[in-house]
Structure formats: C-alpha cells, structure tokens
Amino acid sequence: MATRMRFAEVYEAGDAWLADCSAHPDLVRNAWELDKLALIATGEHWLAAETALVTTMQALKPHP
C-alpha cells in the first residue's frame, strides 16, 4: 500500500499540470474520474519543434 501511495504522489503533480493545460480543468478531471479521455489543446503549454528524421539522426551522431 505504501508503494501505491508514492506512485499517486508522483503522478498527482503531473495530472494537475496536464489538467490545467485545458481551458476547463474541472471537465478534464471529471472525464478522468469516469476513465474517459479529455480534450486538451496544446496551446502555449506545449512547445515543440518538428524536423525531418534524417536531420535529427545526423545531429544525434557524435562528432570526432
């Protein structure tokens, strides 16, 4: 039981952040309580870059 509580504490902060990415965090939490998916727009909380795979692989190679 103690291990289960530690997992809950670890994920609680992530769940709170993810729900707060939504304009309606309460609706997100309600959906999760029902084991349903919730729509969360990427918005300003999710910044990502997109690149071609070949370029990425070349950048990951160690250079002498």
N, C-alpha and C. Protein backbone atom coordinates (compact mmCIF):
# COMPACT_ATOMS: atom_id res chain seq x y z
N MET A 1 0.82 -1.20 0.00
CA MET A 1 0.00 0.00 0.00
C MET A 1 0.86 1.26 0.00
N ALA A 2 1.97 1.26 0.72
CA ALA A 2 2.84 2.43 0.76
C ALA A 2 3.39 2.75 -0.62
N THR A 3 3.77 1.72 -1.38
CA THR A 3 4.28 1.93 -2.73
C THR A 3 3.21 2.57 -3.60
N ARG A 4 2.00 2.11 -3.45
CA ARG A 4 0.89 2.66 -4.24
C ARG A 4 0.70 4.15 -3.93
N MET A 5 0.84 4.54 -2.68
CA MET A 5 0.69 5.94 -2.29
C MET A 5 1.81 6.78 -2.90
N ARG A 6 3.02 6.25 -2.94
CA ARG A 6 4.13 7.01 -3.53
C ARG A 6 3.86 7.26 -5.01
N PHE A 7 3.36 6.25 -5.71
CA PHE A 7 3.04 6.44 -7.13
C PHE A 7 1.97 7.52 -7.28
N ALA A 8 0.98 7.52 -6.43
CA ALA A 8 -0.08 8.53 -6.51
C ALA A 8 0.50 9.92 -6.33
N GLU A 9 1.42 10.08 -5.38
CA GLU A 9 2.02 11.38 -5.13
C GLU A 9 2.86 11.84 -6.33
N VAL A 10 3.59 10.91 -6.93
CA VAL A 10 4.44 11.24 -8.06
C VAL A 10 3.58 11.72 -9.23
N TYR A 11 2.50 11.05 -9.52
CA TYR A 11 1.67 11.39 -10.68
C TYR A 11 0.71 12.53 -10.42
N GLU A 12 0.44 12.84 -9.18
CA GLU A 12 -0.52 13.89 -8.86
C GLU A 12 -0.10 15.25 -9.43
N ALA A 13 1.17 15.58 -9.32
CA ALA A 13 1.64 16.86 -9.85
C ALA A 13 1.51 16.91 -11.37
N GLY A 14 1.84 15.82 -12.04
CA GLY A 14 1.70 15.76 -13.49
C GLY A 14 0.25 15.85 -13.93
N ASP A 15 -0.61 15.16 -13.21
CA ASP A 15 -2.03 15.21 -13.53
C ASP A 15 -2.57 16.64 -13.37
N ALA A 16 -2.15 17.30 -12.30
CA ALA A 16 -2.61 18.67 -12.05
C ALA A 16 -2.15 19.60 -13.17
N TRP A 17 -0.87 19.47 -13.57
CA TRP A 17 -0.35 20.32 -14.64
C TRP A 17 -1.09 20.06 -15.95
N LEU A 18 -1.28 18.78 -16.28
CA LEU A 18 -1.94 18.44 -17.53
C LEU A 18 -3.38 18.94 -17.55
N ALA A 19 -4.10 18.76 -16.47
CA ALA A 19 -5.49 19.24 -16.41
C ALA A 19 -5.52 20.76 -16.55
N ASP A 20 -4.55 21.45 -15.94
CA ASP A 20 -4.52 22.91 -16.00
C ASP A 20 -4.13 23.44 -17.37
N CYS A 21 -3.66 22.58 -18.27
CA CYS A 21 -3.40 23.00 -19.65
C CYS A 21 -4.70 23.24 -20.40
N SER A 22 -5.78 22.72 -19.88
CA SER A 22 -7.08 22.88 -20.51
C SER A 22 -7.73 24.18 -20.05
N ALA A 23 -8.56 24.74 -20.91
CA ALA A 23 -9.35 25.92 -20.51
C ALA A 23 -10.39 25.56 -19.46
N HIS A 24 -10.68 24.24 -19.36
CA HIS A 24 -11.69 23.76 -18.41
C HIS A 24 -11.14 22.56 -17.63
N PRO A 25 -10.20 22.81 -16.71
CA PRO A 25 -9.57 21.70 -15.99
C PRO A 25 -10.54 20.82 -15.20
N ASP A 26 -11.63 21.40 -14.73
CA ASP A 26 -12.61 20.59 -13.98
C ASP A 26 -13.26 19.54 -14.88
N LEU A 27 -13.52 19.91 -16.14
CA LEU A 27 -14.10 18.94 -17.08
C LEU A 27 -13.12 17.82 -17.38
N VAL A 28 -11.84 18.17 -17.46
CA VAL A 28 -10.80 17.16 -17.70
C VAL A 28 -10.77 16.18 -16.53
N ARG A 29 -10.74 16.72 -15.33
CA ARG A 29 -10.70 15.85 -14.14
C ARG A 29 -11.96 14.97 -14.04
N ASN A 30 -13.10 15.54 -14.38
CA ASN A 30 -14.35 14.75 -14.36
C ASN A 30 -14.28 13.61 -15.37
N ALA A 31 -13.76 13.87 -16.54
CA ALA A 31 -13.62 12.81 -17.56
C ALA A 31 -12.69 11.72 -17.05
N TRP A 32 -11.58 12.12 -16.46
CA TRP A 32 -10.63 11.12 -15.93
C TRP A 32 -11.24 10.27 -14.83
N GLU A 33 -12.07 10.89 -14.01
CA GLU A 33 -12.75 10.13 -12.94
C GLU A 33 -13.65 9.04 -13.52
N LEU A 34 -14.15 9.29 -14.73
CA LEU A 34 -15.01 8.32 -15.41
C LEU A 34 -14.21 7.40 -16.34
N ASP A 35 -12.86 7.45 -16.22
CA ASP A 35 -11.96 6.68 -17.09
C ASP A 35 -12.20 6.98 -18.56
N LYS A 36 -12.46 8.24 -18.86
CA LYS A 36 -12.66 8.69 -20.23
C LYS A 36 -11.50 9.60 -20.64
N LEU A 37 -11.37 9.82 -21.94
CA LEU A 37 -10.38 10.74 -22.45
C LEU A 37 -10.89 12.17 -22.36
N ALA A 38 -9.97 13.11 -22.26
CA ALA A 38 -10.35 14.52 -22.21
C ALA A 38 -9.59 15.28 -23.29
N LEU A 39 -10.26 16.21 -23.92
CA LEU A 39 -9.63 17.04 -24.94
C LEU A 39 -8.79 18.11 -24.26
N ILE A 40 -7.50 18.12 -24.59
CA ILE A 40 -6.60 19.13 -24.05
C ILE A 40 -5.85 19.74 -25.23
N ALA A 41 -6.13 21.00 -25.50
CA ALA A 41 -5.46 21.68 -26.61
C ALA A 41 -4.01 21.94 -26.24
N THR A 42 -3.14 21.92 -27.22
CA THR A 42 -1.73 22.12 -26.94
C THR A 42 -1.44 23.53 -26.47
N GLY A 43 -1.94 24.51 -27.15
CA GLY A 43 -1.79 25.89 -26.72
C GLY A 43 -0.38 26.27 -26.34
N GLU A 44 -0.25 27.21 -25.43
CA GLU A 44 1.06 27.72 -25.02
C GLU A 44 1.80 26.80 -24.05
N HIS A 45 1.12 25.82 -23.50
CA HIS A 45 1.74 24.91 -22.54
C HIS A 45 2.65 23.88 -23.20
N TRP A 46 2.45 23.64 -24.46
CA TRP A 46 3.19 22.60 -25.17
C TRP A 46 3.95 23.24 -26.32
N LEU A 47 5.21 23.44 -26.15
CA LEU A 47 6.03 23.96 -27.23
C LEU A 47 6.85 22.81 -27.77
N ALA A 48 6.81 22.64 -29.08
CA ALA A 48 7.52 21.52 -29.69
C ALA A 48 8.15 21.98 -30.99
N ALA A 49 9.15 21.28 -31.38
CA ALA A 49 9.80 21.55 -32.67
C ALA A 49 9.62 20.33 -33.55
N GLU A 50 9.52 20.56 -34.83
CA GLU A 50 9.35 19.47 -35.78
C GLU A 50 10.50 19.53 -36.78
N THR A 51 11.06 18.38 -37.08
CA THR A 51 12.16 18.32 -38.03
C THR A 51 12.12 16.99 -38.78
N ALA A 52 12.87 16.92 -39.84
CA ALA A 52 12.95 15.68 -40.61
C ALA A 52 13.78 14.65 -39.83
N LEU A 53 13.43 13.40 -39.95
CA LEU A 53 14.11 12.34 -39.21
C LEU A 53 15.59 12.27 -39.57
N VAL A 54 15.92 12.37 -40.84
CA VAL A 54 17.33 12.26 -41.27
C VAL A 54 18.17 13.36 -40.62
N THR A 55 17.67 14.57 -40.61
CA THR A 55 18.39 15.68 -39.99
C THR A 55 18.58 15.42 -38.50
N THR A 56 17.57 14.93 -37.86
CA THR A 56 17.65 14.65 -36.43
C THR A 56 18.69 13.58 -36.15
N MET A 57 18.70 12.51 -36.91
CA MET A 57 19.65 11.43 -36.70
C MET A 57 21.08 11.90 -36.89
N GLN A 58 21.30 12.77 -37.88
CA GLN A 58 22.64 13.31 -38.10
C GLN A 58 23.08 14.17 -36.92
N ALA A 59 22.18 14.90 -36.35
CA ALA A 59 22.51 15.75 -35.21
C ALA A 59 22.83 14.92 -33.96
N LEU A 60 22.25 13.73 -33.86
CA LEU A 60 22.48 12.88 -32.70
C LEU A 60 23.79 12.12 -32.75
N LYS A 61 24.38 12.03 -33.93
CA LYS A 61 25.63 11.30 -34.07
C LYS A 61 26.76 12.07 -33.39
N PRO A 62 27.61 11.35 -32.64
CA PRO A 62 28.76 12.05 -32.02
C PRO A 62 29.75 12.47 -33.11
N HIS A 63 30.29 13.64 -32.96
CA HIS A 63 31.26 14.15 -33.93
C HIS A 63 32.66 14.03 -33.34
N PRO A 64 33.64 13.60 -34.16
CA PRO A 64 35.01 13.44 -33.64
C PRO A 64 35.68 14.75 -33.31
